[in-house]
Amino acid sequence: MADVCDSRDGYNFFEQFPNYSYLMVKYLRDNNETIWKLLKYNSANAWMKPDLTVSEKNELIYAGIGNSSKFSIFLSPGFPDVGKEEKTFLTISPNMIIPTNKVVSQVTIMCEVYSNFNITHLSNYTARVDVIAQQLIQTFNGAIIDGLGIGQIFLDRLGSKPTGSERAGTLPFSGRWLLFANNTV
């Protein structure tokens, strides 16, 4: 039997793991307008509405206080409180750590988007959840998320087998999820 090293030197402790959701939402806030319009406005022509201000975008992000059904972006998986208003929800959260060795690992990040079925169809003959999914890919695929060490995000089966996208949801919600990944040290 090989000797086991008692030293923890050089191991990745994933100190930034809890910050992934926030940093990705912040990056999304600064780099995509379409998603925010589709989250805020329920109309079929939501994609044509004026861009939101930073303050309006921040008001859509759930900060853990109050009735969650009033918000549209969440930093953890799961559905918000049930509300009477038809809404679209987006969650962005770390999903899985896939270690390569003691230093390098891939972290997969799950993005889930759900919309009440009655508001999912847009006036340009596209589905709200599919447009948001495409916009997430356009915003994050290959993007380098600066800040606390997230690095480059990708949707690439050669880079990480678990990345991809699938339909999700049960009526009255239609949805789609995407798995992005990165290499972290």
N, C-alpha and C. Protein backbone atom coordinates (compact mmCIF):
# COMPACT_ATOMS: atom_id res chain seq x y z
N MET A 1 0.84 -1.17 0.00
CA MET A 1 0.00 0.00 0.00
C MET A 1 0.89 1.24 0.00
N ALA A 2 0.52 2.21 -0.84
CA ALA A 2 1.31 3.43 -0.95
C ALA A 2 1.13 4.28 0.31
N ASP A 3 2.18 5.03 0.64
CA ASP A 3 2.09 5.94 1.78
C ASP A 3 1.13 7.07 1.46
N VAL A 4 0.31 7.41 2.41
CA VAL A 4 -0.62 8.52 2.25
C VAL A 4 0.05 9.76 2.81
N CYS A 5 0.04 10.82 2.02
CA CYS A 5 0.64 12.09 2.44
C CYS A 5 -0.30 12.80 3.39
N ASP A 6 0.20 13.22 4.53
CA ASP A 6 -0.62 13.92 5.52
C ASP A 6 -0.77 15.41 5.19
N SER A 7 -0.05 15.89 4.23
CA SER A 7 -0.08 17.31 3.90
C SER A 7 -1.29 17.65 3.02
N ARG A 8 -1.88 18.78 3.27
CA ARG A 8 -2.99 19.27 2.44
C ARG A 8 -2.49 20.33 1.47
N ASP A 9 -1.18 20.54 1.43
CA ASP A 9 -0.60 21.56 0.54
C ASP A 9 -0.96 21.25 -0.91
N GLY A 10 -1.33 22.29 -1.62
CA GLY A 10 -1.59 22.15 -3.04
C GLY A 10 -2.99 21.72 -3.41
N TYR A 11 -3.82 21.36 -2.43
CA TYR A 11 -5.18 20.95 -2.76
C TYR A 11 -6.07 22.16 -3.03
N ASN A 12 -6.99 21.99 -3.92
CA ASN A 12 -7.96 23.03 -4.24
C ASN A 12 -9.07 23.00 -3.20
N PHE A 13 -9.29 24.11 -2.53
CA PHE A 13 -10.34 24.18 -1.51
C PHE A 13 -11.60 24.87 -2.00
N PHE A 14 -11.62 25.29 -3.25
CA PHE A 14 -12.81 25.87 -3.88
C PHE A 14 -13.40 27.03 -3.09
N GLU A 15 -12.53 27.91 -2.64
CA GLU A 15 -12.99 29.05 -1.85
C GLU A 15 -14.01 29.91 -2.58
N GLN A 16 -13.93 29.96 -3.90
CA GLN A 16 -14.83 30.82 -4.67
C GLN A 16 -16.12 30.13 -5.09
N PHE A 17 -16.28 28.88 -4.78
CA PHE A 17 -17.47 28.13 -5.15
C PHE A 17 -18.77 28.84 -4.76
N PRO A 18 -18.89 29.39 -3.55
CA PRO A 18 -20.14 30.07 -3.18
C PRO A 18 -20.40 31.36 -3.97
N ASN A 19 -19.38 31.90 -4.64
CA ASN A 19 -19.53 33.17 -5.37
C ASN A 19 -19.90 33.00 -6.84
N TYR A 20 -19.88 31.78 -7.35
CA TYR A 20 -20.15 31.55 -8.77
C TYR A 20 -21.48 32.15 -9.21
N SER A 21 -22.55 31.87 -8.47
CA SER A 21 -23.88 32.34 -8.87
C SER A 21 -23.91 33.85 -9.00
N TYR A 22 -23.47 34.53 -7.95
CA TYR A 22 -23.51 35.99 -7.94
C TYR A 22 -22.68 36.58 -9.08
N LEU A 23 -21.46 36.07 -9.27
CA LEU A 23 -20.59 36.63 -10.30
C LEU A 23 -21.15 36.39 -11.70
N MET A 24 -21.79 35.27 -11.91
CA MET A 24 -22.38 35.01 -13.22
C MET A 24 -23.60 35.89 -13.45
N VAL A 25 -24.42 36.10 -12.43
CA VAL A 25 -25.57 37.00 -12.58
C VAL A 25 -25.08 38.43 -12.83
N LYS A 26 -24.04 38.84 -12.12
CA LYS A 26 -23.47 40.17 -12.33
C LYS A 26 -22.96 40.31 -13.76
N TYR A 27 -22.28 39.28 -14.26
CA TYR A 27 -21.78 39.30 -15.64
C TYR A 27 -22.96 39.38 -16.61
N LEU A 28 -23.99 38.62 -16.35
CA LEU A 28 -25.19 38.64 -17.19
C LEU A 28 -25.83 40.03 -17.16
N ARG A 29 -25.89 40.63 -15.99
CA ARG A 29 -26.47 41.97 -15.85
C ARG A 29 -25.76 42.98 -16.75
N ASP A 30 -24.44 42.84 -16.84
CA ASP A 30 -23.65 43.81 -17.58
C ASP A 30 -23.47 43.47 -19.06
N ASN A 31 -23.88 42.28 -19.49
CA ASN A 31 -23.55 41.82 -20.84
C ASN A 31 -24.71 41.27 -21.66
N ASN A 32 -25.95 41.41 -21.19
CA ASN A 32 -27.08 40.94 -21.98
C ASN A 32 -28.32 41.75 -21.60
N GLU A 33 -28.98 42.29 -22.57
CA GLU A 33 -30.21 43.06 -22.32
C GLU A 33 -31.46 42.23 -22.58
N THR A 34 -31.42 41.36 -23.56
CA THR A 34 -32.60 40.61 -23.97
C THR A 34 -33.16 39.76 -22.84
N ILE A 35 -32.30 39.04 -22.15
CA ILE A 35 -32.76 38.17 -21.07
C ILE A 35 -33.52 38.97 -20.02
N TRP A 36 -33.01 40.11 -19.65
CA TRP A 36 -33.65 40.91 -18.60
C TRP A 36 -35.03 41.37 -19.04
N LYS A 37 -35.17 41.74 -20.31
CA LYS A 37 -36.49 42.14 -20.81
C LYS A 37 -37.47 40.97 -20.78
N LEU A 38 -36.99 39.79 -21.14
CA LEU A 38 -37.86 38.61 -21.16
C LEU A 38 -38.23 38.16 -19.75
N LEU A 39 -37.41 38.50 -18.77
CA LEU A 39 -37.73 38.19 -17.38
C LEU A 39 -38.69 39.21 -16.78
N LYS A 40 -38.54 40.46 -17.13
CA LYS A 40 -39.36 41.52 -16.53
C LYS A 40 -40.75 41.62 -17.15
N TYR A 41 -40.82 41.58 -18.46
CA TYR A 41 -42.08 41.83 -19.15
C TYR A 41 -42.74 40.52 -19.58
N ASN A 42 -44.03 40.39 -19.32
CA ASN A 42 -44.77 39.18 -19.67
C ASN A 42 -45.37 39.23 -21.07
N SER A 43 -45.32 40.36 -21.71
CA SER A 43 -45.97 40.51 -23.01
C SER A 43 -45.27 39.70 -24.09
N ALA A 44 -46.01 39.42 -25.16
CA ALA A 44 -45.46 38.65 -26.28
C ALA A 44 -44.38 39.42 -27.01
N ASN A 45 -44.36 40.74 -26.87
CA ASN A 45 -43.32 41.55 -27.52
C ASN A 45 -42.28 42.05 -26.51
N ALA A 46 -42.08 41.31 -25.45
CA ALA A 46 -41.14 41.70 -24.39
C ALA A 46 -39.75 41.99 -24.94
N TRP A 47 -39.32 41.27 -25.92
CA TRP A 47 -37.99 41.43 -26.51
C TRP A 47 -37.81 42.79 -27.18
N MET A 48 -38.93 43.49 -27.46
CA MET A 48 -38.87 44.79 -28.12
C MET A 48 -38.93 45.96 -27.12
N LYS A 49 -39.13 45.68 -25.85
CA LYS A 49 -39.26 46.72 -24.83
C LYS A 49 -37.92 47.42 -24.63
N PRO A 50 -37.94 48.60 -23.98
CA PRO A 50 -36.69 49.31 -23.71
C PRO A 50 -35.79 48.52 -22.75
N ASP A 51 -34.49 48.72 -22.87
CA ASP A 51 -33.53 48.09 -21.96
C ASP A 51 -33.81 48.52 -20.53
N LEU A 52 -33.51 47.65 -19.59
CA LEU A 52 -33.68 47.95 -18.18
C LEU A 52 -32.45 48.68 -17.65
N THR A 53 -32.65 49.49 -16.63
CA THR A 53 -31.53 50.12 -15.94
C THR A 53 -30.89 49.08 -15.03
N VAL A 54 -29.70 49.37 -14.54
CA VAL A 54 -29.04 48.48 -13.59
C VAL A 54 -29.92 48.30 -12.35
N SER A 55 -30.53 49.37 -11.90
CA SER A 55 -31.40 49.31 -10.73
C SER A 55 -32.61 48.39 -10.97
N GLU A 56 -33.22 48.50 -12.15
CA GLU A 56 -34.36 47.63 -12.48
C GLU A 56 -33.93 46.16 -12.54
N LYS A 57 -32.74 45.91 -13.08
CA LYS A 57 -32.23 44.53 -13.12
C LYS A 57 -31.98 44.02 -11.71
N ASN A 58 -31.37 44.83 -10.87
CA ASN A 58 -31.08 44.42 -9.50
C ASN A 58 -32.36 44.10 -8.73
N GLU A 59 -33.44 44.80 -9.03
CA GLU A 59 -34.72 44.55 -8.37
C GLU A 59 -35.31 43.19 -8.73
N LEU A 60 -34.85 42.57 -9.81
CA LEU A 60 -35.34 41.25 -10.21
C LEU A 60 -34.59 40.11 -9.53
N ILE A 61 -33.48 40.42 -8.86
CA ILE A 61 -32.62 39.40 -8.24
C ILE A 61 -33.06 39.18 -6.79
N TYR A 62 -33.37 37.94 -6.46
CA TYR A 62 -33.80 37.60 -5.11
C TYR A 62 -32.60 37.62 -4.17
N ALA A 63 -32.74 38.38 -3.08
CA ALA A 63 -31.65 38.52 -2.11
C ALA A 63 -31.94 37.76 -0.82
N GLY A 64 -32.92 36.86 -0.85
CA GLY A 64 -33.22 36.05 0.32
C GLY A 64 -34.17 36.70 1.29
N ILE A 65 -34.77 37.82 0.90
CA ILE A 65 -35.68 38.54 1.79
C ILE A 65 -37.01 38.76 1.08
N GLY A 66 -38.09 38.47 1.78
CA GLY A 66 -39.41 38.74 1.24
C GLY A 66 -39.98 37.60 0.42
N ASN A 67 -41.13 37.84 -0.15
CA ASN A 67 -41.84 36.85 -0.95
C ASN A 67 -41.08 36.62 -2.25
N SER A 68 -40.55 35.44 -2.42
CA SER A 68 -39.70 35.16 -3.58
C SER A 68 -40.46 35.18 -4.90
N SER A 69 -41.79 35.08 -4.89
CA SER A 69 -42.55 35.09 -6.15
C SER A 69 -42.49 36.44 -6.84
N LYS A 70 -42.02 37.46 -6.16
CA LYS A 70 -41.91 38.80 -6.74
C LYS A 70 -40.63 38.97 -7.56
N PHE A 71 -39.74 37.99 -7.52
CA PHE A 71 -38.43 38.09 -8.16
C PHE A 71 -38.34 37.12 -9.34
N SER A 72 -37.31 37.32 -10.17
CA SER A 72 -37.15 36.49 -11.36
C SER A 72 -35.81 35.77 -11.45
N ILE A 73 -34.79 36.22 -10.72
CA ILE A 73 -33.48 35.58 -10.79
C ILE A 73 -33.09 35.09 -9.41
N PHE A 74 -32.63 33.83 -9.37
CA PHE A 74 -32.30 33.18 -8.11
C PHE A 74 -30.90 32.59 -8.19
N LEU A 75 -30.18 32.64 -7.07
CA LEU A 75 -28.81 32.16 -7.00
C LEU A 75 -28.71 30.75 -6.44
N SER A 76 -29.83 30.05 -6.41
CA SER A 76 -29.84 28.66 -5.96
C SER A 76 -30.94 27.93 -6.72
N PRO A 77 -30.85 26.61 -6.80
CA PRO A 77 -31.87 25.86 -7.54
C PRO A 77 -33.20 25.85 -6.79
N GLY A 78 -34.25 25.56 -7.53
CA GLY A 78 -35.57 25.43 -6.93
C GLY A 78 -36.50 26.52 -7.40
N PHE A 79 -37.77 26.31 -7.13
CA PHE A 79 -38.80 27.27 -7.52
C PHE A 79 -39.06 28.24 -6.40
N PRO A 80 -39.44 29.47 -6.75
CA PRO A 80 -39.80 30.44 -5.72
C PRO A 80 -41.19 30.13 -5.16
N ASP A 81 -41.61 30.96 -4.21
CA ASP A 81 -42.97 30.84 -3.69
C ASP A 81 -43.96 30.96 -4.83
N VAL A 82 -45.08 30.30 -4.70
CA VAL A 82 -46.10 30.37 -5.74
C VAL A 82 -46.80 31.71 -5.65
N GLY A 83 -46.93 32.36 -6.77
CA GLY A 83 -47.64 33.64 -6.84
C GLY A 83 -48.74 33.54 -7.88
N LYS A 84 -49.58 34.54 -7.94
CA LYS A 84 -50.69 34.55 -8.90
C LYS A 84 -50.27 35.12 -10.25
N GLU A 85 -49.20 35.88 -10.28
CA GLU A 85 -48.74 36.51 -11.51
C GLU A 85 -47.99 35.51 -12.38
N GLU A 86 -48.23 35.55 -13.69
CA GLU A 86 -47.46 34.70 -14.60
C GLU A 86 -46.07 35.29 -14.71
N LYS A 87 -45.05 34.45 -14.54
CA LYS A 87 -43.67 34.93 -14.47
C LYS A 87 -42.75 34.00 -15.24
N THR A 88 -41.55 34.52 -15.43
CA THR A 88 -40.44 33.74 -15.95
C THR A 88 -39.34 33.79 -14.90
N PHE A 89 -38.74 32.63 -14.62
CA PHE A 89 -37.73 32.51 -13.58
C PHE A 89 -36.44 31.98 -14.17
N LEU A 90 -35.32 32.46 -13.65
CA LEU A 90 -34.00 31.97 -14.04
C LEU A 90 -33.20 31.70 -12.78
N THR A 91 -32.66 30.50 -12.68
CA THR A 91 -31.74 30.18 -11.59
C THR A 91 -30.36 29.92 -12.17
N ILE A 92 -29.35 30.40 -11.49
CA ILE A 92 -27.95 30.16 -11.88
C ILE A 92 -27.23 29.72 -10.62
N SER A 93 -26.72 28.48 -10.63
CA SER A 93 -26.05 27.98 -9.43
C SER A 93 -25.05 26.88 -9.79
N PRO A 94 -23.97 26.78 -8.98
CA PRO A 94 -23.03 25.68 -9.19
C PRO A 94 -23.76 24.35 -9.03
N ASN A 95 -23.39 23.39 -9.84
CA ASN A 95 -24.09 22.12 -9.86
C ASN A 95 -23.22 20.95 -9.39
N MET A 96 -22.01 20.88 -9.92
CA MET A 96 -21.20 19.69 -9.66
C MET A 96 -19.72 20.07 -9.76
N ILE A 97 -18.90 19.41 -8.94
CA ILE A 97 -17.45 19.54 -9.04
C ILE A 97 -16.92 18.21 -9.57
N ILE A 98 -16.15 18.30 -10.65
CA ILE A 98 -15.57 17.10 -11.26
C ILE A 98 -14.05 17.24 -11.19
N PRO A 99 -13.41 16.59 -10.22
CA PRO A 99 -11.97 16.76 -10.06
C PRO A 99 -11.17 16.04 -11.14
N THR A 100 -10.14 16.72 -11.64
CA THR A 100 -9.17 16.12 -12.54
C THR A 100 -8.00 15.58 -11.73
N ASN A 101 -7.59 16.38 -10.77
CA ASN A 101 -6.54 16.00 -9.82
C ASN A 101 -6.74 16.86 -8.57
N LYS A 102 -5.77 16.89 -7.69
CA LYS A 102 -5.96 17.62 -6.43
C LYS A 102 -6.00 19.13 -6.60
N VAL A 103 -5.58 19.62 -7.75
CA VAL A 103 -5.53 21.05 -7.99
C VAL A 103 -6.61 21.50 -8.98
N VAL A 104 -6.72 20.82 -10.09
CA VAL A 104 -7.61 21.23 -11.18
C VAL A 104 -8.91 20.45 -11.11
N SER A 105 -10.00 21.15 -11.28
CA SER A 105 -11.32 20.53 -11.34
C SER A 105 -12.18 21.32 -12.31
N GLN A 106 -13.25 20.70 -12.74
CA GLN A 106 -14.26 21.41 -13.48
C GLN A 106 -15.44 21.63 -12.54
N VAL A 107 -16.00 22.81 -12.61
CA VAL A 107 -17.23 23.10 -11.89
C VAL A 107 -18.30 23.29 -12.95
N THR A 108 -19.40 22.54 -12.83
CA THR A 108 -20.51 22.77 -13.75
C THR A 108 -21.49 23.73 -13.09
N ILE A 109 -22.05 24.60 -13.91
CA ILE A 109 -22.98 25.61 -13.46
C ILE A 109 -24.30 25.38 -14.16
N MET A 110 -25.36 25.20 -13.38
CA MET A 110 -26.68 24.95 -13.93
C MET A 110 -27.44 26.26 -14.07
N CYS A 111 -27.94 26.49 -15.26
CA CYS A 111 -28.86 27.60 -15.52
C CYS A 111 -30.20 26.97 -15.87
N GLU A 112 -31.23 27.30 -15.11
CA GLU A 112 -32.57 26.79 -15.38
C GLU A 112 -33.49 27.96 -15.63
N VAL A 113 -34.28 27.87 -16.69
CA VAL A 113 -35.25 28.91 -17.00
C VAL A 113 -36.63 28.26 -17.12
N TYR A 114 -37.61 28.85 -16.46
CA TYR A 114 -38.98 28.37 -16.49
C TYR A 114 -39.91 29.55 -16.73
N SER A 115 -40.94 29.31 -17.49
CA SER A 115 -41.91 30.34 -17.77
C SER A 115 -43.30 29.72 -17.74
N ASN A 116 -44.28 30.48 -17.20
CA ASN A 116 -45.66 30.01 -17.30
C ASN A 116 -45.98 29.80 -18.78
N PHE A 117 -46.64 28.71 -19.06
CA PHE A 117 -46.91 28.35 -20.46
C PHE A 117 -47.65 29.47 -21.20
N ASN A 118 -48.56 30.17 -20.53
CA ASN A 118 -49.35 31.21 -21.19
C ASN A 118 -48.54 32.40 -21.68
N ILE A 119 -47.33 32.57 -21.17
CA ILE A 119 -46.51 33.70 -21.62
C ILE A 119 -45.24 33.25 -22.33
N THR A 120 -45.11 31.98 -22.61
CA THR A 120 -43.85 31.51 -23.18
C THR A 120 -43.71 31.81 -24.67
N HIS A 121 -44.81 31.99 -25.38
CA HIS A 121 -44.71 32.26 -26.81
C HIS A 121 -44.57 33.77 -27.06
N LEU A 122 -43.59 34.12 -27.89
CA LEU A 122 -43.33 35.52 -28.20
C LEU A 122 -43.89 35.87 -29.58
N SER A 123 -44.05 37.16 -29.82
CA SER A 123 -44.66 37.63 -31.07
C SER A 123 -43.78 37.41 -32.30
N ASN A 124 -42.52 37.03 -32.11
CA ASN A 124 -41.64 36.73 -33.25
C ASN A 124 -41.58 35.22 -33.51
N TYR A 125 -42.60 34.50 -33.03
CA TYR A 125 -42.76 33.05 -33.26
C TYR A 125 -41.62 32.23 -32.67
N THR A 126 -41.14 32.65 -31.52
CA THR A 126 -40.15 31.89 -30.78
C THR A 126 -40.68 31.65 -29.37
N ALA A 127 -40.07 30.72 -28.67
CA ALA A 127 -40.46 30.42 -27.29
C ALA A 127 -39.53 31.19 -26.35
N ARG A 128 -40.11 31.84 -25.38
CA ARG A 128 -39.36 32.66 -24.41
C ARG A 128 -38.21 31.88 -23.79
N VAL A 129 -38.46 30.63 -23.37
CA VAL A 129 -37.40 29.86 -22.69
C VAL A 129 -36.28 29.50 -23.66
N ASP A 130 -36.61 29.27 -24.93
CA ASP A 130 -35.57 28.97 -25.91
C ASP A 130 -34.73 30.20 -26.24
N VAL A 131 -35.37 31.36 -26.31
CA VAL A 131 -34.62 32.59 -26.56
C VAL A 131 -33.69 32.87 -25.38
N ILE A 132 -34.19 32.71 -24.16
CA ILE A 132 -33.34 32.94 -22.99
C ILE A 132 -32.18 31.94 -22.99
N ALA A 133 -32.44 30.67 -23.31
CA ALA A 133 -31.37 29.67 -23.37
C ALA A 133 -30.32 30.06 -24.40
N GLN A 134 -30.76 30.47 -25.58
CA GLN A 134 -29.80 30.88 -26.62
C GLN A 134 -29.01 32.10 -26.17
N GLN A 135 -29.66 33.04 -25.51
CA GLN A 135 -28.98 34.24 -25.03
C GLN A 135 -27.99 33.90 -23.91
N LEU A 136 -28.31 32.92 -23.08
CA LEU A 136 -27.35 32.47 -22.06
C LEU A 136 -26.11 31.89 -22.73
N ILE A 137 -26.32 31.08 -23.77
CA ILE A 137 -25.19 30.52 -24.50
C ILE A 137 -24.36 31.63 -25.14
N GLN A 138 -25.04 32.58 -25.78
CA GLN A 138 -24.34 33.69 -26.43
C GLN A 138 -23.55 34.52 -25.42
N THR A 139 -24.08 34.69 -24.23
CA THR A 139 -23.44 35.51 -23.21
C THR A 139 -22.29 34.78 -22.52
N PHE A 140 -22.48 33.51 -22.18
CA PHE A 140 -21.50 32.81 -21.34
C PHE A 140 -20.51 31.93 -22.10
N ASN A 141 -20.87 31.38 -23.25
CA ASN A 141 -19.99 30.41 -23.91
C ASN A 141 -18.69 31.07 -24.33
N GLY A 142 -17.60 30.67 -23.69
CA GLY A 142 -16.28 31.22 -23.97
C GLY A 142 -15.95 32.47 -23.17
N ALA A 143 -16.92 32.98 -22.39
CA ALA A 143 -16.70 34.21 -21.63
C ALA A 143 -15.76 33.95 -20.46
N ILE A 144 -14.93 34.94 -20.18
CA ILE A 144 -14.06 34.89 -19.02
C ILE A 144 -14.71 35.74 -17.95
N ILE A 145 -15.14 35.08 -16.88
CA ILE A 145 -15.81 35.77 -15.79
C ILE A 145 -14.73 36.22 -14.81
N ASP A 146 -14.39 37.49 -14.90
CA ASP A 146 -13.37 38.03 -14.01
C ASP A 146 -13.90 38.06 -12.59
N GLY A 147 -13.07 38.46 -11.73
CA GLY A 147 -13.48 38.48 -10.34
C GLY A 147 -12.75 37.40 -9.59
N LEU A 148 -13.42 36.72 -8.76
CA LEU A 148 -12.80 35.83 -7.80
C LEU A 148 -12.40 34.47 -8.36
N GLY A 149 -11.91 34.43 -9.57
CA GLY A 149 -11.32 33.22 -10.07
C GLY A 149 -12.24 32.22 -10.74
N ILE A 150 -13.35 32.66 -11.32
CA ILE A 150 -14.19 31.72 -12.05
C ILE A 150 -13.51 31.31 -13.35
N GLY A 151 -12.94 32.25 -14.06
CA GLY A 151 -12.25 31.94 -15.31
C GLY A 151 -13.21 31.80 -16.47
N GLN A 152 -12.83 31.00 -17.46
CA GLN A 152 -13.60 30.87 -18.69
C GLN A 152 -14.71 29.85 -18.54
N ILE A 153 -15.90 30.25 -18.96
CA ILE A 153 -17.08 29.38 -18.92
C ILE A 153 -17.28 28.80 -20.32
N PHE A 154 -17.68 27.53 -20.39
CA PHE A 154 -17.90 26.95 -21.71
C PHE A 154 -19.03 25.93 -21.71
N LEU A 155 -19.58 25.76 -22.89
CA LEU A 155 -20.57 24.72 -23.20
C LEU A 155 -19.90 23.91 -24.30
N ASP A 156 -19.17 22.86 -23.90
CA ASP A 156 -18.29 22.16 -24.83
C ASP A 156 -18.10 20.73 -24.35
N ARG A 157 -18.65 19.76 -25.06
CA ARG A 157 -18.57 18.35 -24.66
C ARG A 157 -17.12 17.84 -24.65
N LEU A 158 -16.25 18.42 -25.46
CA LEU A 158 -14.85 18.01 -25.40
C LEU A 158 -14.19 18.53 -24.14
N GLY A 159 -14.62 19.69 -23.70
CA GLY A 159 -14.06 20.28 -22.48
C GLY A 159 -14.63 19.66 -21.22
N SER A 160 -15.92 19.28 -21.28
CA SER A 160 -16.59 18.69 -20.12
C SER A 160 -17.80 17.90 -20.59
N LYS A 161 -17.80 16.62 -20.35
CA LYS A 161 -18.90 15.76 -20.80
C LYS A 161 -20.27 16.18 -20.27
N PRO A 162 -20.39 16.69 -19.03
CA PRO A 162 -21.72 17.02 -18.52
C PRO A 162 -22.36 18.28 -19.09
N THR A 163 -21.67 19.05 -19.97
CA THR A 163 -22.31 20.26 -20.46
C THR A 163 -23.37 19.93 -21.49
N GLY A 164 -24.37 20.81 -21.61
CA GLY A 164 -25.43 20.61 -22.59
C GLY A 164 -26.69 21.34 -22.18
N SER A 165 -27.79 20.99 -22.86
CA SER A 165 -29.07 21.63 -22.59
C SER A 165 -30.19 20.62 -22.85
N GLU A 166 -31.26 20.73 -22.07
CA GLU A 166 -32.44 19.88 -22.26
C GLU A 166 -33.69 20.66 -21.90
N ARG A 167 -34.80 20.18 -22.43
CA ARG A 167 -36.10 20.71 -22.04
C ARG A 167 -36.40 20.32 -20.62
N ALA A 168 -37.18 21.14 -19.94
CA ALA A 168 -37.53 20.86 -18.55
C ALA A 168 -38.92 21.42 -18.28
N GLY A 169 -39.43 21.14 -17.11
CA GLY A 169 -40.68 21.74 -16.68
C GLY A 169 -41.87 20.82 -16.82
N THR A 170 -42.89 21.14 -16.07
CA THR A 170 -44.17 20.45 -16.09
C THR A 170 -45.24 21.53 -16.12
N LEU A 171 -46.24 21.33 -16.95
CA LEU A 171 -47.30 22.34 -17.05
C LEU A 171 -47.79 22.70 -15.67
N PRO A 172 -48.01 23.96 -15.37
CA PRO A 172 -48.15 25.08 -16.31
C PRO A 172 -46.83 25.78 -16.65
N PHE A 173 -45.68 25.16 -16.38
CA PHE A 173 -44.39 25.76 -16.70
C PHE A 173 -43.72 25.02 -17.84
N SER A 174 -43.16 25.77 -18.76
CA SER A 174 -42.25 25.17 -19.73
C SER A 174 -40.86 25.65 -19.34
N GLY A 175 -39.88 24.87 -19.67
CA GLY A 175 -38.55 25.27 -19.23
C GLY A 175 -37.43 24.62 -20.02
N ARG A 176 -36.25 25.04 -19.67
CA ARG A 176 -35.03 24.50 -20.28
C ARG A 176 -33.91 24.71 -19.28
N TRP A 177 -33.00 23.75 -19.23
CA TRP A 177 -31.80 23.92 -18.41
C TRP A 177 -30.58 23.80 -19.28
N LEU A 178 -29.52 24.45 -18.83
CA LEU A 178 -28.22 24.39 -19.49
C LEU A 178 -27.17 24.11 -18.44
N LEU A 179 -26.19 23.31 -18.80
CA LEU A 179 -25.03 23.06 -17.94
C LEU A 179 -23.79 23.61 -18.61
N PHE A 180 -23.22 24.63 -18.00
CA PHE A 180 -21.95 25.18 -18.42
C PHE A 180 -20.87 24.60 -17.51
N ALA A 181 -19.60 24.77 -17.89
CA ALA A 181 -18.52 24.30 -17.04
C ALA A 181 -17.34 25.27 -17.15
N ASN A 182 -16.41 25.09 -16.25
CA ASN A 182 -15.14 25.82 -16.32
C ASN A 182 -14.06 24.92 -15.72
N ASN A 183 -12.84 25.31 -15.91
CA ASN A 183 -11.72 24.64 -15.26
C ASN A 183 -11.25 25.56 -14.17
N THR A 184 -11.21 25.06 -12.96
CA THR A 184 -10.82 25.89 -11.84
C THR A 184 -9.60 25.31 -11.14
N VAL A 185 -8.78 26.20 -10.63
CA VAL A 185 -7.60 25.78 -9.87
C VAL A 185 -7.60 26.47 -8.52
